């Protein structure tokens, strides 16, 4: 177990916080509810960002940027949207400060009150659709496929680093289409892009589905989602894609002339993921020794640590290592050679273990004599001596094996923590004593869904795609049901 760390069994929440701290990912800031993402944590986000950005562009999307501030009146135009976000909004009311007359510091200048308050964006549908009104006149202007990398503010009272903070980083796609069919296809396509990324880069298995009416994005016709299971048996929503219909087009009067020269409203989507994904990475793969990162998202995939007592020994090891570093780089593997003489090798081993570096290579004088190196893998905490001949190719295959092993381990965990419940008592017993995903019948009404949430603190995570039909009775009301839906307690 890592030094100064709590185990998952002792206190899962504290274990999570210890990993964030010990891996040097982030810390709380002077601003309540906000975090400072430290360089190593931000490097992981940059890997997420660059990978997703490439995937978005491969599907025809372009990046743009829209204002941080949104006029308050914009939120009044789509009723369910404002209702969904009203309690989370930060509001700017004045535009100037002045020195206090008593010399105590600065105060808000009462004469600098804004004519209309500005909302610090919790999401950008309103400002973007007000802008799209100027961009769209004809079917020839469609589709618009825009994405924005930005920060947003949702005033959270109970925060946790990466998982829930008042300000966080994310991307939000906003697209405009001529037909309903195009918009629905876009919504589904982007959800599959997210699932591809989360499974193949983050090594986290997900369940794809549609949200129940109570859990939809405010202002959406349908919300599609991917749901992942964390090691404490709680669900985490890893991405959402929303079919907005014509709601925002009608709210902002965005019409276009179709091919028949008739005016009609535009069809819309929005979709996004955030720095919450880093929290998902931590909770899916990490262990009591610290952070565990899948190679496809690790800022450092391989660290090489020389073991030496003299300058001559270091020089000899360095001469051996330099060609290996070049070979690894030629294979697009990120590598760090840590020859810092201010820290002992044991300290370095512990440091990189806590930071989740997938592969550690150690080379000392005896290894040089035997033309081999000690190769340790972070996922299994095992190590072996490997010949230096073909070592780069060996590491390349090892990284692929680690990536696959992490996915399979997470998949096995999810499968063994997925249950079915047929009665209310069975449902609650599973949630309390065997946390995980629970498939259960629900009568389809928002009232029952809300009551289940009140009584059990579990929500409908999604109605999975291609959900099999199965006659049954709702676990709470006993009314007829035609399918099971996915329940869990969640973050």
Protein backbone atom coordinates (compact mmCIF):
# COMPACT_ATOMS: atom_id res chain seq x y z
CA UNK A 1 0.00 0.00 0.00
CA UNK A 2 1.19 3.52 -0.84
CA UNK A 3 2.52 5.60 2.00
CA UNK A 4 -0.01 7.90 3.74
CA UNK A 5 -2.86 6.26 1.82
CA UNK A 6 -6.19 4.88 2.93
CA UNK A 7 -7.31 1.56 1.46
CA UNK A 8 -10.50 1.18 -0.55
CA UNK A 9 -11.92 -1.10 2.12
CA UNK A 10 -11.23 1.35 4.95
CA UNK A 11 -12.71 4.44 3.35
CA UNK A 12 -13.38 4.57 -0.38
CA UNK A 13 -13.95 8.32 -0.48
CA UNK A 14 -10.71 9.05 1.38
CA UNK A 15 -8.87 6.51 -0.79
CA UNK A 16 -9.98 8.47 -3.84
CA UNK A 17 -8.82 11.77 -2.36
CA UNK A 18 -5.48 10.25 -1.35
CA UNK A 19 -4.85 9.04 -4.90
CA UNK A 20 -5.61 12.47 -6.35
CA UNK A 21 -3.19 14.02 -3.84
CA UNK A 22 -0.41 11.42 -3.98
CA UNK A 23 -0.45 11.23 -7.79
CA UNK A 24 -0.22 15.04 -7.87
CA UNK A 25 -3.33 15.40 -10.05
CA UNK A 26 -5.23 18.28 -8.46
CA UNK A 27 -5.93 20.20 -5.28
CA UNK A 28 -8.63 22.40 -3.84
CA UNK A 29 -8.29 26.08 -4.63
CA UNK A 30 -8.86 29.25 -2.62
CA UNK A 31 -12.21 29.52 -4.42
CA UNK A 32 -14.75 27.33 -2.63
CA UNK A 33 -15.79 24.36 -4.74
CA UNK A 34 -13.17 24.93 -7.44
CA UNK A 35 -10.00 22.97 -8.11
CA UNK A 36 -6.51 23.54 -9.37
CA UNK A 37 -5.62 20.89 -11.95
CA UNK A 38 -1.89 20.31 -11.51
CA UNK A 39 0.44 19.63 -14.44
CA UNK A 40 0.29 15.83 -14.25
CA UNK A 41 -3.51 15.86 -13.95
CA UNK A 42 -3.76 18.33 -16.81
CA UNK A 43 -1.45 16.15 -18.93
CA UNK A 44 -4.02 13.36 -18.62
CA UNK A 45 -6.78 15.79 -19.65
CA UNK A 46 -4.66 16.86 -22.64
CA UNK A 47 -4.47 13.21 -23.73
CA UNK A 48 -8.25 12.94 -23.38
CA UNK A 49 -8.72 16.20 -25.24
CA UNK A 50 -6.34 15.51 -28.11
CA UNK A 51 -7.73 12.01 -28.69
CA UNK A 52 -11.36 13.10 -28.66
CA UNK A 53 -10.60 16.19 -30.73
CA UNK A 54 -9.14 13.99 -33.47
CA UNK A 55 -12.18 11.70 -33.32
CA UNK A 56 -14.55 14.67 -33.58
CA UNK A 57 -12.72 16.09 -36.58
CA UNK A 58 -12.72 12.70 -38.27
CA UNK A 59 -16.53 12.81 -38.06
CA UNK A 60 -16.66 16.24 -39.70
CA UNK A 61 -16.82 18.55 -36.69
CA UNK A 62 -15.00 21.85 -36.30
CA UNK A 63 -14.02 23.73 -33.17
CA UNK A 64 -15.41 27.16 -32.34
CA UNK A 65 -15.66 29.32 -29.24
CA UNK A 66 -18.67 31.14 -27.77
CA UNK A 67 -18.91 33.66 -24.91
CA UNK A 68 -18.55 32.73 -21.26
CA UNK A 69 -21.37 35.13 -20.33
CA UNK A 70 -24.99 34.57 -21.35
CA UNK A 71 -27.73 37.23 -21.01
CA UNK A 72 -30.25 36.17 -18.39
CA UNK A 73 -33.15 36.65 -20.80
CA UNK A 74 -31.80 33.88 -23.05
CA UNK A 75 -32.54 31.32 -20.33
CA UNK A 76 -36.17 32.40 -20.18
CA UNK A 77 -36.84 31.35 -23.75
CA UNK A 78 -36.76 27.56 -23.20
CA UNK A 79 -38.85 26.78 -20.12
CA UNK A 80 -37.50 23.33 -19.20
CA UNK A 81 -33.92 24.45 -19.83
CA UNK A 82 -34.09 27.33 -17.34
CA UNK A 83 -35.90 25.12 -14.81
CA UNK A 84 -33.14 22.53 -15.09
CA UNK A 85 -30.26 24.95 -14.54
CA UNK A 86 -31.74 27.83 -12.50
CA UNK A 87 -30.48 26.56 -9.13
CA UNK A 88 -26.90 26.07 -10.40
CA UNK A 89 -26.29 29.43 -12.08
CA UNK A 90 -23.67 31.98 -11.08
CA UNK A 91 -24.89 35.50 -11.89
CA UNK A 92 -22.87 38.62 -12.77
CA UNK A 93 -24.72 41.75 -11.63
CA UNK A 94 -22.05 44.52 -11.72
CA UNK A 95 -19.14 45.40 -13.97
CA UNK A 96 -16.90 47.55 -11.76
CA UNK A 97 -15.21 47.73 -8.36
CA UNK A 98 -14.07 50.80 -6.45
CA UNK A 99 -12.02 51.57 -3.36
CA UNK A 100 -14.05 51.67 -0.17
CA UNK A 101 -14.33 55.13 1.32
CA UNK A 102 -13.03 53.89 4.69
CA UNK A 103 -9.91 52.46 3.03
CA UNK A 104 -10.80 48.87 3.94
CA UNK A 105 -10.32 47.55 0.39
CA UNK A 106 -12.44 47.27 -2.73
CA UNK A 107 -16.23 47.11 -2.92
CA UNK A 108 -18.73 46.65 -5.71
CA UNK A 109 -19.57 50.01 -7.28
CA UNK A 110 -23.36 50.36 -6.88
CA UNK A 111 -23.42 52.69 -9.89
CA UNK A 112 -22.04 49.92 -12.13
CA UNK A 113 -25.08 47.66 -12.10
CA UNK A 114 -25.67 45.84 -15.36
CA UNK A 115 -28.88 46.61 -17.21
CA UNK A 116 -29.30 42.85 -17.67
CA UNK A 117 -27.57 40.30 -15.49
CA UNK A 118 -25.20 37.84 -17.15
CA UNK A 119 -25.11 34.11 -16.39
CA UNK A 120 -21.71 32.41 -16.25
CA UNK A 121 -22.35 29.58 -18.68
CA UNK A 122 -23.51 26.31 -17.15
CA UNK A 123 -23.92 25.06 -20.75
CA UNK A 124 -24.07 26.93 -24.06
CA UNK A 125 -27.26 25.95 -25.90
CA UNK A 126 -28.86 29.37 -25.50
CA UNK A 127 -25.93 31.56 -26.60
CA UNK A 128 -25.11 29.20 -29.47
CA UNK A 129 -28.64 29.03 -30.83
CA UNK A 130 -28.93 32.79 -30.63
CA UNK A 131 -25.75 32.86 -32.78
CA UNK A 132 -26.95 30.16 -35.18
CA UNK A 133 -29.91 32.37 -36.04
CA UNK A 134 -27.41 34.62 -37.87
CA UNK A 135 -25.67 31.70 -39.57
CA UNK A 136 -28.67 29.81 -40.96
CA UNK A 137 -31.01 30.96 -43.69
CA UNK A 138 -31.17 28.07 -46.16
CA UNK A 139 -30.80 24.28 -46.26
CA UNK A 140 -27.46 25.03 -47.95
CA UNK A 141 -26.18 26.35 -44.59
CA UNK A 142 -26.82 22.99 -42.95
CA UNK A 143 -25.62 20.94 -41.24
CA UNK A 144 -23.55 22.98 -38.78
CA UNK A 145 -21.20 20.69 -36.86
CA UNK A 146 -19.50 22.70 -34.11
CA UNK A 147 -17.65 21.69 -30.97
CA UNK A 148 -16.36 23.89 -28.18
CA UNK A 149 -13.62 23.16 -25.64
CA UNK A 150 -14.39 25.34 -22.66
CA UNK A 151 -14.99 25.74 -18.94
CA UNK A 152 -18.44 25.90 -17.37
CA UNK A 153 -19.79 26.81 -13.95
CA UNK A 154 -22.51 24.94 -12.08
CA UNK A 155 -22.76 26.11 -8.49
CA UNK A 156 -22.25 22.89 -6.54
CA UNK A 157 -22.52 22.90 -2.75
CA UNK A 158 -20.96 19.45 -2.17
CA UNK A 159 -17.88 19.01 -4.30
CA UNK A 160 -15.25 16.36 -4.97
CA UNK A 161 -12.13 16.81 -7.10
CA UNK A 162 -12.81 15.97 -10.77
CA UNK A 163 -16.18 14.36 -10.03
CA UNK A 164 -18.17 17.42 -9.04
CA UNK A 165 -16.74 20.94 -8.89
CA UNK A 166 -18.29 24.38 -9.31
CA UNK A 167 -16.11 25.01 -12.36
CA UNK A 168 -14.94 22.24 -14.66
CA UNK A 169 -13.49 21.73 -18.11
CA UNK A 170 -15.38 20.00 -20.88
CA UNK A 171 -16.29 19.90 -24.52
CA UNK A 172 -19.75 20.57 -25.82
CA UNK A 173 -20.83 19.75 -29.34
CA UNK A 174 -23.72 21.70 -30.84
CA UNK A 175 -25.06 20.73 -34.25
CA UNK A 176 -27.86 21.97 -36.48
CA UNK A 177 -29.65 19.84 -39.10
CA UNK A 178 -32.32 20.09 -41.79
CA UNK A 179 -34.21 16.97 -40.74
CA UNK A 180 -35.17 15.07 -37.64
CA UNK A 181 -33.57 11.91 -39.05
CA UNK A 182 -30.19 13.65 -39.50
CA UNK A 183 -30.27 15.03 -35.96
CA UNK A 184 -31.18 11.67 -34.40
CA UNK A 185 -28.40 9.97 -36.42
CA UNK A 186 -25.93 12.61 -35.19
CA UNK A 187 -27.01 12.09 -31.57
CA UNK A 188 -26.50 8.35 -31.83
CA UNK A 189 -23.22 8.67 -33.74
CA UNK A 190 -21.63 10.89 -31.12
CA UNK A 191 -22.68 8.57 -28.32
CA UNK A 192 -20.91 5.75 -30.16
CA UNK A 193 -17.83 7.98 -30.50
CA UNK A 194 -17.84 8.46 -26.73
CA UNK A 195 -18.29 4.74 -26.11
CA UNK A 196 -15.43 3.96 -28.50
CA UNK A 197 -13.16 6.41 -26.67
CA UNK A 198 -14.08 5.31 -23.15
CA UNK A 199 -13.72 1.60 -23.92
CA UNK A 200 -10.65 1.67 -26.18
CA UNK A 201 -8.65 4.49 -24.61
CA UNK A 202 -9.86 4.62 -21.01
CA UNK A 203 -10.29 0.81 -20.85
CA UNK A 204 -13.68 1.25 -19.16
CA UNK A 205 -16.63 -0.88 -20.34
CA UNK A 206 -19.86 1.06 -20.71
CA UNK A 207 -23.57 0.40 -21.18
CA UNK A 208 -25.20 2.53 -23.88
CA UNK A 209 -28.80 3.54 -23.55
CA UNK A 210 -31.44 6.26 -23.36
CA UNK A 211 -32.30 8.21 -20.22
CA UNK A 212 -35.72 8.06 -18.63
CA UNK A 213 -37.81 11.26 -18.84
CA UNK A 214 -36.85 12.32 -15.30
CA UNK A 215 -33.14 12.02 -16.09
CA UNK A 216 -33.12 13.78 -19.48
CA UNK A 217 -31.07 16.89 -20.13
CA UNK A 218 -33.15 20.00 -19.52
CA UNK A 219 -34.61 20.97 -22.89
CA UNK A 220 -33.97 17.65 -24.68
CA UNK A 221 -36.42 15.34 -26.42
CA UNK A 222 -34.13 12.37 -25.74
CA UNK A 223 -30.83 11.95 -23.89
CA UNK A 224 -28.54 9.06 -24.73
CA UNK A 225 -25.80 8.10 -22.30
CA UNK A 226 -22.96 5.73 -21.51
CA UNK A 227 -22.86 4.37 -17.97
CA UNK A 228 -19.82 2.90 -16.22
CA UNK A 229 -19.49 1.06 -12.90
CA UNK A 230 -16.90 2.16 -10.35
CA UNK A 231 -15.14 -0.13 -7.85
CA UNK A 232 -17.46 0.85 -5.00
CA UNK A 233 -20.46 -0.34 -7.01
CA UNK A 234 -21.71 3.13 -7.88
CA UNK A 235 -22.50 4.18 -11.44
CA UNK A 236 -20.89 7.10 -13.18
CA UNK A 237 -22.34 8.76 -16.25
CA UNK A 238 -19.35 8.93 -18.60
CA UNK A 239 -20.92 10.86 -21.49
CA UNK A 240 -24.22 12.14 -22.83
CA UNK A 241 -25.63 13.00 -26.24
CA UNK A 242 -28.90 14.91 -26.55
CA UNK A 243 -31.49 15.05 -29.29
CA UNK A 244 -32.94 18.53 -28.78
CA UNK A 245 -35.59 18.36 -31.48
CA UNK A 246 -36.67 21.86 -32.53
CA UNK A 247 -36.96 23.21 -28.98
CA UNK A 248 -34.05 25.63 -29.13
CA UNK A 249 -34.69 26.56 -32.75
CA UNK A 250 -38.23 27.59 -31.77
CA UNK A 251 -37.00 29.39 -28.65
CA UNK A 252 -34.57 31.49 -30.74
CA UNK A 253 -36.58 31.53 -33.97
CA UNK A 254 -33.97 29.72 -36.06
CA UNK A 255 -35.62 28.82 -39.37
CA UNK A 256 -34.35 27.85 -42.79
CA UNK A 257 -35.73 27.64 -46.33
CA UNK A 258 -35.92 23.97 -47.29
CA UNK A 259 -35.51 22.58 -50.80
CA UNK A 260 -39.22 23.18 -51.43
CA UNK A 261 -38.68 26.85 -50.56
CA UNK A 262 -40.68 26.54 -47.36
CA UNK A 263 -39.63 27.87 -43.96
CA UNK A 264 -39.17 25.36 -41.14
CA UNK A 265 -37.37 25.15 -37.83
CA UNK A 266 -33.89 23.63 -37.58
CA UNK A 267 -33.26 20.34 -35.74
CA UNK A 268 -30.60 20.28 -33.01
CA UNK A 269 -28.25 18.12 -30.96
CA UNK A 270 -25.75 18.70 -28.17
CA UNK A 271 -23.28 16.32 -26.54
CA UNK A 272 -20.46 16.52 -24.01
CA UNK A 273 -17.92 14.96 -21.68
CA UNK A 274 -15.87 16.62 -18.97
CA UNK A 275 -12.90 16.33 -16.60
CA UNK A 276 -15.18 13.96 -14.67
CA UNK A 277 -13.65 11.30 -16.95
CA UNK A 278 -10.42 11.60 -14.95
CA UNK A 279 -12.41 10.68 -11.85
CA UNK A 280 -13.76 7.68 -13.75
CA UNK A 281 -10.21 6.63 -14.66
CA UNK A 282 -9.13 6.80 -11.03
CA UNK A 283 -12.07 4.86 -9.63
CA UNK A 284 -12.16 2.16 -12.30
CA UNK A 285 -8.53 1.06 -12.37
CA UNK A 286 -6.60 2.29 -9.34
CA UNK A 287 -5.60 0.15 -6.36
CA UNK A 288 -4.36 0.59 -2.80
CA UNK A 289 -0.87 1.38 -4.12
CA UNK A 290 -2.07 4.43 -6.04
CA UNK A 291 -3.16 5.51 -9.48
CA UNK A 292 -3.32 3.00 -12.34
CA UNK A 293 -3.47 4.47 -15.85
CA UNK A 294 -4.29 2.69 -19.11
CA UNK A 295 -1.33 3.11 -21.48
CA UNK A 296 -3.44 4.82 -24.16
CA UNK A 297 -4.01 7.80 -21.85
CA UNK A 298 -0.87 7.79 -19.70
CA UNK A 299 1.22 10.98 -20.08
CA UNK A 300 4.29 8.82 -19.42
CA UNK A 301 3.90 5.28 -20.73
CA UNK A 302 7.39 4.08 -19.81
CA UNK A 303 9.83 5.37 -17.20
CA UNK A 304 13.43 4.20 -17.21
CA UNK A 305 15.29 4.40 -13.91
CA UNK A 306 19.07 3.86 -13.83
CA UNK A 307 20.50 2.13 -10.74
CA UNK A 308 24.05 3.31 -10.10
CA UNK A 309 26.59 4.26 -7.48
CA UNK A 310 29.17 6.10 -9.56
CA UNK A 311 29.25 8.60 -12.41
CA UNK A 312 30.92 6.01 -14.62
CA UNK A 313 28.13 3.53 -13.99
CA UNK A 314 25.50 6.17 -14.84
CA UNK A 315 27.33 7.08 -18.05
CA UNK A 316 27.51 3.42 -19.10
CA UNK A 317 23.80 2.90 -18.39
CA UNK A 318 22.89 6.11 -20.23
CA UNK A 319 24.81 5.01 -23.32
CA UNK A 320 22.85 1.74 -23.26
CA UNK A 321 19.52 3.46 -22.68
CA UNK A 322 19.67 6.24 -25.28
CA UNK A 323 19.12 3.95 -28.30
CA UNK A 324 16.22 2.28 -26.45
CA UNK A 325 14.61 5.68 -25.86
CA UNK A 326 14.87 6.50 -29.57
CA UNK A 327 13.37 3.12 -30.50
CA UNK A 328 10.46 3.66 -28.11
CA UNK A 329 9.84 7.14 -29.48
CA UNK A 330 9.85 5.78 -33.02
CA UNK A 331 7.02 3.46 -31.89
CA UNK A 332 5.09 6.53 -30.60
CA UNK A 333 5.66 5.49 -26.99
CA UNK A 334 6.15 8.31 -24.49
CA UNK A 335 9.18 7.64 -22.33
CA UNK A 336 10.95 9.40 -19.47
CA UNK A 337 14.55 8.73 -18.46
CA UNK A 338 14.85 9.67 -14.79
CA UNK A 339 18.53 10.13 -14.01
CA UNK A 340 17.85 12.75 -11.32
CA UNK A 341 20.59 12.18 -8.74
CA UNK A 342 18.77 14.05 -5.97
CA UNK A 343 16.35 11.14 -5.37
CA UNK A 344 17.02 7.49 -4.59
CA UNK A 345 15.77 4.79 -6.94
CA UNK A 346 13.40 3.42 -4.26
CA UNK A 347 11.77 6.83 -3.95
CA UNK A 348 11.38 6.98 -7.74
CA UNK A 349 9.83 3.52 -7.88
CA UNK A 350 7.22 4.54 -5.31
CA UNK A 351 6.59 7.87 -7.05
CA UNK A 352 5.91 6.35 -10.47
CA UNK A 353 3.83 3.59 -8.92
CA UNK A 354 1.59 6.19 -7.27
CA UNK A 355 1.40 8.13 -10.55
CA UNK A 356 0.23 5.03 -12.38
CA UNK A 357 2.98 4.88 -15.03
CA UNK A 358 2.18 1.64 -16.89
CA UNK A 359 5.74 0.31 -17.35
CA UNK A 360 8.89 0.87 -15.32
CA UNK A 361 12.30 -0.22 -16.61
CA UNK A 362 15.24 -0.43 -14.20
CA UNK A 363 18.82 -0.96 -15.37
CA UNK A 364 21.85 -1.37 -13.08
CA UNK A 365 25.49 -2.46 -13.56
CA UNK A 366 24.63 -6.16 -13.26
CA UNK A 367 21.86 -5.75 -15.85
CA UNK A 368 24.42 -4.19 -18.19
CA UNK A 369 26.68 -7.18 -17.78
CA UNK A 370 23.79 -9.54 -18.57
CA UNK A 371 22.46 -7.32 -21.39
CA UNK A 372 19.02 -7.20 -19.78
CA UNK A 373 16.68 -4.92 -17.85
CA UNK A 374 14.09 -5.32 -15.11
CA UNK A 375 10.64 -4.54 -16.51
CA UNK A 376 7.78 -3.91 -14.06
CA UNK A 377 4.13 -3.51 -15.03
CA UNK A 378 1.88 -1.28 -12.93
CA UNK A 379 -1.40 -3.14 -13.46
CA UNK A 380 -0.27 -6.43 -11.91
CA UNK A 381 2.71 -5.16 -9.87
CA UNK A 382 4.81 -7.95 -11.38
CA UNK A 383 8.29 -7.69 -12.87
CA UNK A 384 10.69 -9.79 -14.89
CA UNK A 385 14.14 -9.60 -16.41
CA UNK A 386 14.05 -9.07 -20.17
CA UNK A 387 16.86 -9.14 -22.72
CA UNK A 388 17.81 -5.74 -24.11
CA UNK A 389 17.64 -7.25 -27.61
CA UNK A 390 14.17 -6.40 -28.91
CA UNK A 391 13.27 -4.65 -25.65
CA UNK A 392 11.41 -1.80 -27.39
CA UNK A 393 9.14 -4.24 -29.25
CA UNK A 394 8.63 -6.22 -26.04
CA UNK A 395 7.49 -3.05 -24.25
CA UNK A 396 5.19 -2.15 -27.13
CA UNK A 397 3.43 -5.51 -26.83
CA UNK A 398 3.40 -5.22 -23.04
CA UNK A 399 1.62 -1.86 -23.19
CA UNK A 400 -1.05 -3.37 -25.45
CA UNK A 401 -1.43 -6.27 -23.01
CA UNK A 402 -1.79 -3.88 -20.06
CA UNK A 403 -4.44 -1.87 -21.93
CA UNK A 404 -6.42 -5.03 -22.67
CA UNK A 405 -5.94 -6.45 -19.18
CA UNK A 406 -7.31 -3.30 -17.54
CA UNK A 407 -10.40 -3.42 -19.77
CA UNK A 408 -11.01 -7.11 -19.13
CA UNK A 409 -10.54 -6.66 -15.38
CA UNK A 410 -13.06 -3.79 -15.34
CA UNK A 411 -15.47 -5.78 -17.51
CA UNK A 412 -15.22 -8.78 -15.20
CA UNK A 413 -15.88 -6.55 -12.20
CA UNK A 414 -18.94 -5.05 -13.86
CA UNK A 415 -20.31 -8.43 -14.91
CA UNK A 416 -19.94 -9.89 -11.42
CA UNK A 417 -21.60 -6.81 -9.91
CA UNK A 418 -24.63 -6.76 -12.20
CA UNK A 419 -27.81 -8.31 -10.80
CA UNK A 420 -31.52 -8.77 -11.37
CA UNK A 421 -34.16 -7.95 -8.77
CA UNK A 422 -37.80 -8.99 -8.92
CA UNK A 423 -39.09 -7.58 -5.62
CA UNK A 424 -38.61 -4.38 -3.69
CA UNK A 425 -36.93 -6.13 -0.76
CA UNK A 426 -34.52 -7.90 -3.11
CA UNK A 427 -33.81 -4.59 -4.88
CA UNK A 428 -32.94 -2.72 -1.66
CA UNK A 429 -30.93 -5.64 -0.29
CA UNK A 430 -28.75 -5.70 -3.41
CA UNK A 431 -28.19 -1.93 -3.29
CA UNK A 432 -27.25 -2.05 0.39
CA UNK A 433 -25.19 -5.24 0.49
CA UNK A 434 -24.01 -5.93 -3.08
CA UNK A 435 -23.64 -2.50 -4.71
CA UNK A 436 -23.64 -2.52 -8.50
CA UNK A 437 -25.97 -2.41 -11.48
CA UNK A 438 -29.45 -3.80 -10.87
CA UNK A 439 -31.85 -4.68 -13.68
CA UNK A 440 -35.41 -4.37 -12.45
CA UNK A 441 -38.92 -3.74 -13.73
CA UNK A 442 -40.45 -0.25 -13.58
CA UNK A 443 -43.98 0.73 -14.53
CA UNK A 444 -42.78 3.54 -16.81
CA UNK A 445 -44.22 6.50 -14.87
CA UNK A 446 -42.16 9.49 -13.72
CA UNK A 447 -43.95 9.38 -10.36
CA UNK A 448 -42.81 5.83 -9.62
CA UNK A 449 -39.30 6.64 -10.82
CA UNK A 450 -39.13 9.58 -8.42
CA UNK A 451 -40.52 7.52 -5.53
CA UNK A 452 -37.93 4.76 -6.11
CA UNK A 453 -35.22 7.40 -6.03
CA UNK A 454 -36.55 8.89 -2.77
CA UNK A 455 -36.79 5.52 -1.05
CA UNK A 456 -33.59 3.86 -2.29
CA UNK A 457 -31.30 6.71 -3.48
CA UNK A 458 -30.99 4.73 -6.73
CA UNK A 459 -31.81 6.18 -10.14
CA UNK A 460 -32.57 4.73 -13.52
CA UNK A 461 -29.17 5.00 -15.19
CA UNK A 462 -30.56 4.17 -18.61
CA UNK A 463 -32.85 2.00 -20.67
CA UNK A 464 -30.18 0.04 -22.58
CA UNK A 465 -30.22 -0.01 -26.37
CA UNK A 466 -31.73 -3.20 -27.78
CA UNK A 467 -33.19 -3.88 -24.35
CA UNK A 468 -34.94 -7.26 -24.46
CA UNK A 469 -38.69 -7.32 -23.91
CA UNK A 470 -39.73 -9.18 -20.79
CA UNK A 471 -43.10 -9.13 -19.10
CA UNK A 472 -42.94 -8.47 -15.39
CA UNK A 473 -44.19 -6.33 -12.52
CA UNK A 474 -42.78 -3.04 -11.27
CA UNK A 475 -40.69 -3.62 -8.15
CA UNK A 476 -42.46 -0.77 -6.32
CA UNK A 477 -46.06 -0.60 -7.58
CA UNK A 478 -46.59 -4.12 -8.92
CA UNK A 479 -48.02 -2.67 -12.12
CA UNK A 480 -47.26 -4.40 -15.46
CA UNK A 481 -43.87 -3.76 -17.11
CA UNK A 482 -42.55 -4.88 -20.48
CA UNK A 483 -38.81 -4.56 -19.80
CA UNK A 484 -36.17 -4.23 -17.10
CA UNK A 485 -34.23 -0.98 -16.80
CA UNK A 486 -30.80 -0.32 -15.30
CA UNK A 487 -30.76 1.02 -11.74
CA UNK A 488 -27.81 2.03 -9.54
CA UNK A 489 -26.73 4.50 -6.93
CA UNK A 490 -24.44 6.96 -8.60
CA UNK A 491 -22.00 9.85 -8.54
